[in-house]
């Protein structure tokens, strides 16, 4: 019985860890997209000033 409880506890920890890692991964991806969008906007502004 103790082994079942131990396995259940380990599974719960694993699921919690996977959720935490997934949330961190999503946050990193969102930051990368935000940085790319900001760089694209800066490039557009730069291009407008170079052309005019």
PDB file of N, CA and C in Angstrom:
ATOM      1  N   UNK A   1       0.819  -1.196   0.000  1.00  0.00           N
ATOM      2  CA  UNK A   1       0.000   0.000   0.000  1.00  0.00           C
ATOM      3  C   UNK A   1       0.864   1.261   0.000  1.00  0.00           C
ATOM      4  N   UNK A   2       1.975   1.208   0.700  1.00  0.00           N
ATOM      5  CA  UNK A   2       2.848   2.377   0.774  1.00  0.00           C
ATOM      6  C   UNK A   2       3.446   2.692  -0.592  1.00  0.00           C
ATOM      7  N   UNK A   3       3.721   1.634  -1.364  1.00  0.00           N
ATOM      8  CA  UNK A   3       4.299   1.855  -2.692  1.00  0.00           C
ATOM      9  C   UNK A   3       3.298   2.547  -3.607  1.00  0.00           C
ATOM     10  N   UNK A   4       2.033   2.195  -3.471  1.00  0.00           N
ATOM     11  CA  UNK A   4       1.012   2.828  -4.306  1.00  0.00           C
ATOM     12  C   UNK A   4       0.916   4.315  -3.959  1.00  0.00           C
ATOM     13  N   UNK A   5       0.921   4.636  -2.680  1.00  0.00           N
ATOM     14  CA  UNK A   5       0.855   6.034  -2.260  1.00  0.00           C
ATOM     15  C   UNK A   5       2.087   6.790  -2.731  1.00  0.00           C
ATOM     16  N   UNK A   6       3.240   6.140  -2.648  1.00  0.00           N
ATOM     17  CA  UNK A   6       4.486   6.780  -3.077  1.00  0.00           C
ATOM     18  C   UNK A   6       4.452   7.035  -4.583  1.00  0.00           C
ATOM     19  N   UNK A   7       3.967   6.057  -5.352  1.00  0.00           N
ATOM     20  CA  UNK A   7       3.884   6.209  -6.805  1.00  0.00           C
ATOM     21  C   UNK A   7       2.890   7.307  -7.165  1.00  0.00           C
ATOM     22  N   UNK A   8       1.787   7.366  -6.444  1.00  0.00           N
ATOM     23  CA  UNK A   8       0.783   8.391  -6.702  1.00  0.00           C
ATOM     24  C   UNK A   8       1.345   9.781  -6.411  1.00  0.00           C
ATOM     25  N   UNK A   9       2.102   9.885  -5.331  1.00  0.00           N
ATOM     26  CA  UNK A   9       2.712  11.163  -4.970  1.00  0.00           C
ATOM     27  C   UNK A   9       3.726  11.586  -6.028  1.00  0.00           C
ATOM     28  N   UNK A  10       4.523  10.624  -6.503  1.00  0.00           N
ATOM     29  CA  UNK A  10       5.518  10.923  -7.534  1.00  0.00           C
ATOM     30  C   UNK A  10       4.829  11.354  -8.825  1.00  0.00           C
ATOM     31  N   UNK A  11       3.733  10.694  -9.166  1.00  0.00           N
ATOM     32  CA  UNK A  11       3.001  11.054 -10.379  1.00  0.00           C
ATOM     33  C   UNK A  11       2.432  12.464 -10.253  1.00  0.00           C
ATOM     34  N   UNK A  12       1.912  12.791  -9.090  1.00  0.00           N
ATOM     35  CA  UNK A  12       1.387  14.138  -8.866  1.00  0.00           C
ATOM     36  C   UNK A  12       2.466  15.186  -8.998  1.00  0.00           C
ATOM     37  N   UNK A  13       3.646  14.897  -8.459  1.00  0.00           N
ATOM     38  CA  UNK A  13       4.762  15.839  -8.574  1.00  0.00           C
ATOM     39  C   UNK A  13       5.184  15.997 -10.027  1.00  0.00           C
ATOM     40  N   UNK A  14       5.194  14.872 -10.748  1.00  0.00           N
ATOM     41  CA  UNK A  14       5.599  14.913 -12.155  1.00  0.00           C
ATOM     42  C   UNK A  14       4.623  15.757 -12.971  1.00  0.00           C
ATOM     43  N   UNK A  15       3.345  15.582 -12.727  1.00  0.00           N
ATOM     44  CA  UNK A  15       2.327  16.349 -13.449  1.00  0.00           C
ATOM     45  C   UNK A  15       2.461  17.834 -13.119  1.00  0.00           C
ATOM     46  N   UNK A  16       2.676  18.151 -11.847  1.00  0.00           N
ATOM     47  CA  UNK A  16       2.835  19.552 -11.447  1.00  0.00           C
ATOM     48  C   UNK A  16       4.076  20.151 -12.091  1.00  0.00           C
ATOM     49  N   UNK A  17       5.155  19.377 -12.136  1.00  0.00           N
ATOM     50  CA  UNK A  17       6.397  19.862 -12.747  1.00  0.00           C
ATOM     51  C   UNK A  17       6.201  20.101 -14.244  1.00  0.00           C
ATOM     52  N   UNK A  18       5.515  19.174 -14.915  1.00  0.00           N
ATOM     53  CA  UNK A  18       5.268  19.333 -16.347  1.00  0.00           C
ATOM     54  C   UNK A  18       4.430  20.578 -16.615  1.00  0.00           C
ATOM     55  N   UNK A  19       3.437  20.837 -15.774  1.00  0.00           N
ATOM     56  CA  UNK A  19       2.610  22.031 -15.952  1.00  0.00           C
ATOM     57  C   UNK A  19       3.449  23.289 -15.747  1.00  0.00           C
ATOM     58  N   UNK A  20       4.315  23.273 -14.741  1.00  0.00           N
ATOM     59  CA  UNK A  20       5.164  24.432 -14.470  1.00  0.00           C
ATOM     60  C   UNK A  20       6.103  24.697 -15.637  1.00  0.00           C
ATOM     61  N   UNK A  21       6.700  23.647 -16.179  1.00  0.00           N
ATOM     62  CA  UNK A  21       7.615  23.793 -17.310  1.00  0.00           C
ATOM     63  C   UNK A  21       6.859  24.287 -18.540  1.00  0.00           C
ATOM     64  N   UNK A  22       5.663  23.764 -18.750  1.00  0.00           N
ATOM     65  CA  UNK A  22       4.858  24.194 -19.898  1.00  0.00           C
ATOM     66  C   UNK A  22       4.503  25.679 -19.783  1.00  0.00           C
ATOM     67  N   UNK A  23       4.135  26.112 -18.592  1.00  0.00           N
ATOM     68  CA  UNK A  23       3.807  27.531 -18.397  1.00  0.00           C
ATOM     69  C   UNK A  23       5.020  28.414 -18.650  1.00  0.00           C
ATOM     70  N   UNK A  24       6.187  27.992 -18.163  1.00  0.00           N
ATOM     71  CA  UNK A  24       7.410  28.767 -18.403  1.00  0.00           C
ATOM     72  C   UNK A  24       7.732  28.808 -19.893  1.00  0.00           C
ATOM     73  N   UNK A  25       7.557  27.681 -20.578  1.00  0.00           N
ATOM     74  CA  UNK A  25       7.819  27.623 -22.014  1.00  0.00           C
ATOM     75  C   UNK A  25       6.912  28.563 -22.789  1.00  0.00           C
ATOM     76  N   UNK A  26       5.639  28.591 -22.416  1.00  0.00           N
ATOM     77  CA  UNK A  26       4.700  29.496 -23.088  1.00  0.00           C
ATOM     78  C   UNK A  26       5.089  30.948 -22.859  1.00  0.00           C
ATOM     79  N   UNK A  27       5.548  31.244 -21.642  1.00  0.00           N
ATOM     80  CA  UNK A  27       5.959  32.614 -21.335  1.00  0.00           C
ATOM     81  C   UNK A  27       7.167  33.012 -22.178  1.00  0.00           C
ATOM     82  N   UNK A  28       8.112  32.101 -22.343  1.00  0.00           N
ATOM     83  CA  UNK A  28       9.307  32.380 -23.150  1.00  0.00           C
ATOM     84  C   UNK A  28       8.920  32.613 -24.609  1.00  0.00           C
ATOM     85  N   UNK A  29       8.037  31.779 -25.129  1.00  0.00           N
ATOM     86  CA  UNK A  29       7.597  31.927 -26.518  1.00  0.00           C
ATOM     87  C   UNK A  29       6.897  33.270 -26.709  1.00  0.00           C
ATOM     88  N   UNK A  30       6.060  33.653 -25.750  1.00  0.00           N
ATOM     89  CA  UNK A  30       5.377  34.949 -25.849  1.00  0.00           C
ATOM     90  C   UNK A  30       6.372  36.099 -25.846  1.00  0.00           C
ATOM     91  N   UNK A  31       7.403  36.021 -25.008  1.00  0.00           N
ATOM     92  CA  UNK A  31       8.427  37.074 -24.984  1.00  0.00           C
ATOM     93  C   UNK A  31       9.183  37.137 -26.307  1.00  0.00           C
ATOM     94  N   UNK A  32       9.466  35.979 -26.895  1.00  0.00           N
ATOM     95  CA  UNK A  32      10.181  35.955 -28.174  1.00  0.00           C
ATOM     96  C   UNK A  32       9.333  36.617 -29.257  1.00  0.00           C
ATOM     97  N   UNK A  33       8.038  36.275 -29.316  1.00  0.00           N
ATOM     98  CA  UNK A  33       7.161  36.895 -30.309  1.00  0.00           C
ATOM     99  C   UNK A  33       7.051  38.399 -30.081  1.00  0.00           C
ATOM    100  N   UNK A  34       6.961  38.822 -28.834  1.00  0.00           N
ATOM    101  CA  UNK A  34       6.878  40.252 -28.534  1.00  0.00           C
ATOM    102  C   UNK A  34       8.145  40.966 -28.992  1.00  0.00           C
ATOM    103  N   UNK A  35       9.293  40.352 -28.773  1.00  0.00           N
ATOM    104  CA  UNK A  35      10.558  40.961 -29.200  1.00  0.00           C
ATOM    105  C   UNK A  35      10.623  41.051 -30.720  1.00  0.00           C
ATOM    106  N   UNK A  36      10.169  40.016 -31.407  1.00  0.00           N
ATOM    107  CA  UNK A  36      10.176  40.040 -32.869  1.00  0.00           C
ATOM    108  C   UNK A  36       9.250  41.131 -33.408  1.00  0.00           C
ATOM    109  N   UNK A  37       8.097  41.277 -32.800  1.00  0.00           N
ATOM    110  CA  UNK A  37       7.165  42.321 -33.235  1.00  0.00           C
ATOM    111  C   UNK A  37       7.765  43.702 -32.992  1.00  0.00           C
ATOM    112  N   UNK A  38       8.396  43.887 -31.831  1.00  0.00           N
ATOM    113  CA  UNK A  38       9.028  45.176 -31.529  1.00  0.00           C
ATOM    114  C   UNK A  38      10.142  45.475 -32.530  1.00  0.00           C
ATOM    115  N   UNK A  39      10.947  44.476 -32.853  1.00  0.00           N
ATOM    116  CA  UNK A  39      12.014  44.681 -33.833  1.00  0.00           C
ATOM    117  C   UNK A  39      11.444  45.001 -35.211  1.00  0.00           C
ATOM    118  N   UNK A  40      10.347  44.346 -35.574  1.00  0.00           N
ATOM    119  CA  UNK A  40       9.711  44.626 -36.863  1.00  0.00           C
ATOM    120  C   UNK A  40       9.210  46.069 -36.912  1.00  0.00           C
ATOM    121  N   UNK A  41       8.612  46.530 -35.829  1.00  0.00           N
ATOM    122  CA  UNK A  41       8.134  47.917 -35.791  1.00  0.00           C
ATOM    123  C   UNK A  41       9.297  48.900 -35.867  1.00  0.00           C
ATOM    124  N   UNK A  42      10.376  48.610 -35.167  1.00  0.00           N
ATOM    125  CA  UNK A  42      11.555  49.477 -35.247  1.00  0.00           C
ATOM    126  C   UNK A  42      12.114  49.512 -36.664  1.00  0.00           C
ATOM    127  N   UNK A  43      12.106  48.370 -37.336  1.00  0.00           N
ATOM    128  CA  UNK A  43      12.592  48.309 -38.710  1.00  0.00           C
ATOM    129  C   UNK A  43      11.705  49.128 -39.641  1.00  0.00           C
ATOM    130  N   UNK A  44      10.396  49.074 -39.426  1.00  0.00           N
ATOM    131  CA  UNK A  44       9.472  49.858 -40.248  1.00  0.00           C
ATOM    132  C   UNK A  44       9.738  51.345 -40.048  1.00  0.00           C
ATOM    133  N   UNK A  45       9.897  51.769 -38.812  1.00  0.00           N
ATOM    134  CA  UNK A  45      10.178  53.183 -38.536  1.00  0.00           C
ATOM    135  C   UNK A  45      11.502  53.577 -39.165  1.00  0.00           C
ATOM    136  N   UNK A  46      12.511  52.757 -39.024  1.00  0.00           N
ATOM    137  CA  UNK A  46      13.825  53.016 -39.617  1.00  0.00           C
ATOM    138  C   UNK A  46      13.712  53.127 -41.140  1.00  0.00           C
ATOM    139  N   UNK A  47      12.974  52.216 -41.748  1.00  0.00           N
ATOM    140  CA  UNK A  47      12.819  52.227 -43.203  1.00  0.00           C
ATOM    141  C   UNK A  47      12.105  53.486 -43.677  1.00  0.00           C
ATOM    142  N   UNK A  48      11.109  53.925 -42.948  1.00  0.00           N
ATOM    143  CA  UNK A  48      10.375  55.133 -43.327  1.00  0.00           C
ATOM    144  C   UNK A  48      11.304  56.338 -43.290  1.00  0.00           C
ATOM    145  N   UNK A  49      12.135  56.446 -42.285  1.00  0.00           N
ATOM    146  CA  UNK A  49      13.050  57.586 -42.194  1.00  0.00           C
ATOM    147  C   UNK A  49      14.150  57.526 -43.242  1.00  0.00           C
ATOM    148  N   UNK A  50      14.594  56.343 -43.621  1.00  0.00           N
ATOM    149  CA  UNK A  50      15.629  56.214 -44.642  1.00  0.00           C
ATOM    150  C   UNK A  50      15.066  56.604 -46.008  1.00  0.00           C
ATOM    151  N   UNK A  51      13.845  56.184 -46.317  1.00  0.00           N
ATOM    152  CA  UNK A  51      13.244  56.449 -47.617  1.00  0.00           C
ATOM    153  C   UNK A  51      12.914  57.931 -47.767  1.00  0.00           C
ATOM    154  N   UNK A  52      12.448  58.564 -46.718  1.00  0.00           N
ATOM    155  CA  UNK A  52      12.023  59.971 -46.842  1.00  0.00           C
ATOM    156  C   UNK A  52      13.130  60.952 -46.571  1.00  0.00           C
TER     157      UNK A  52
END
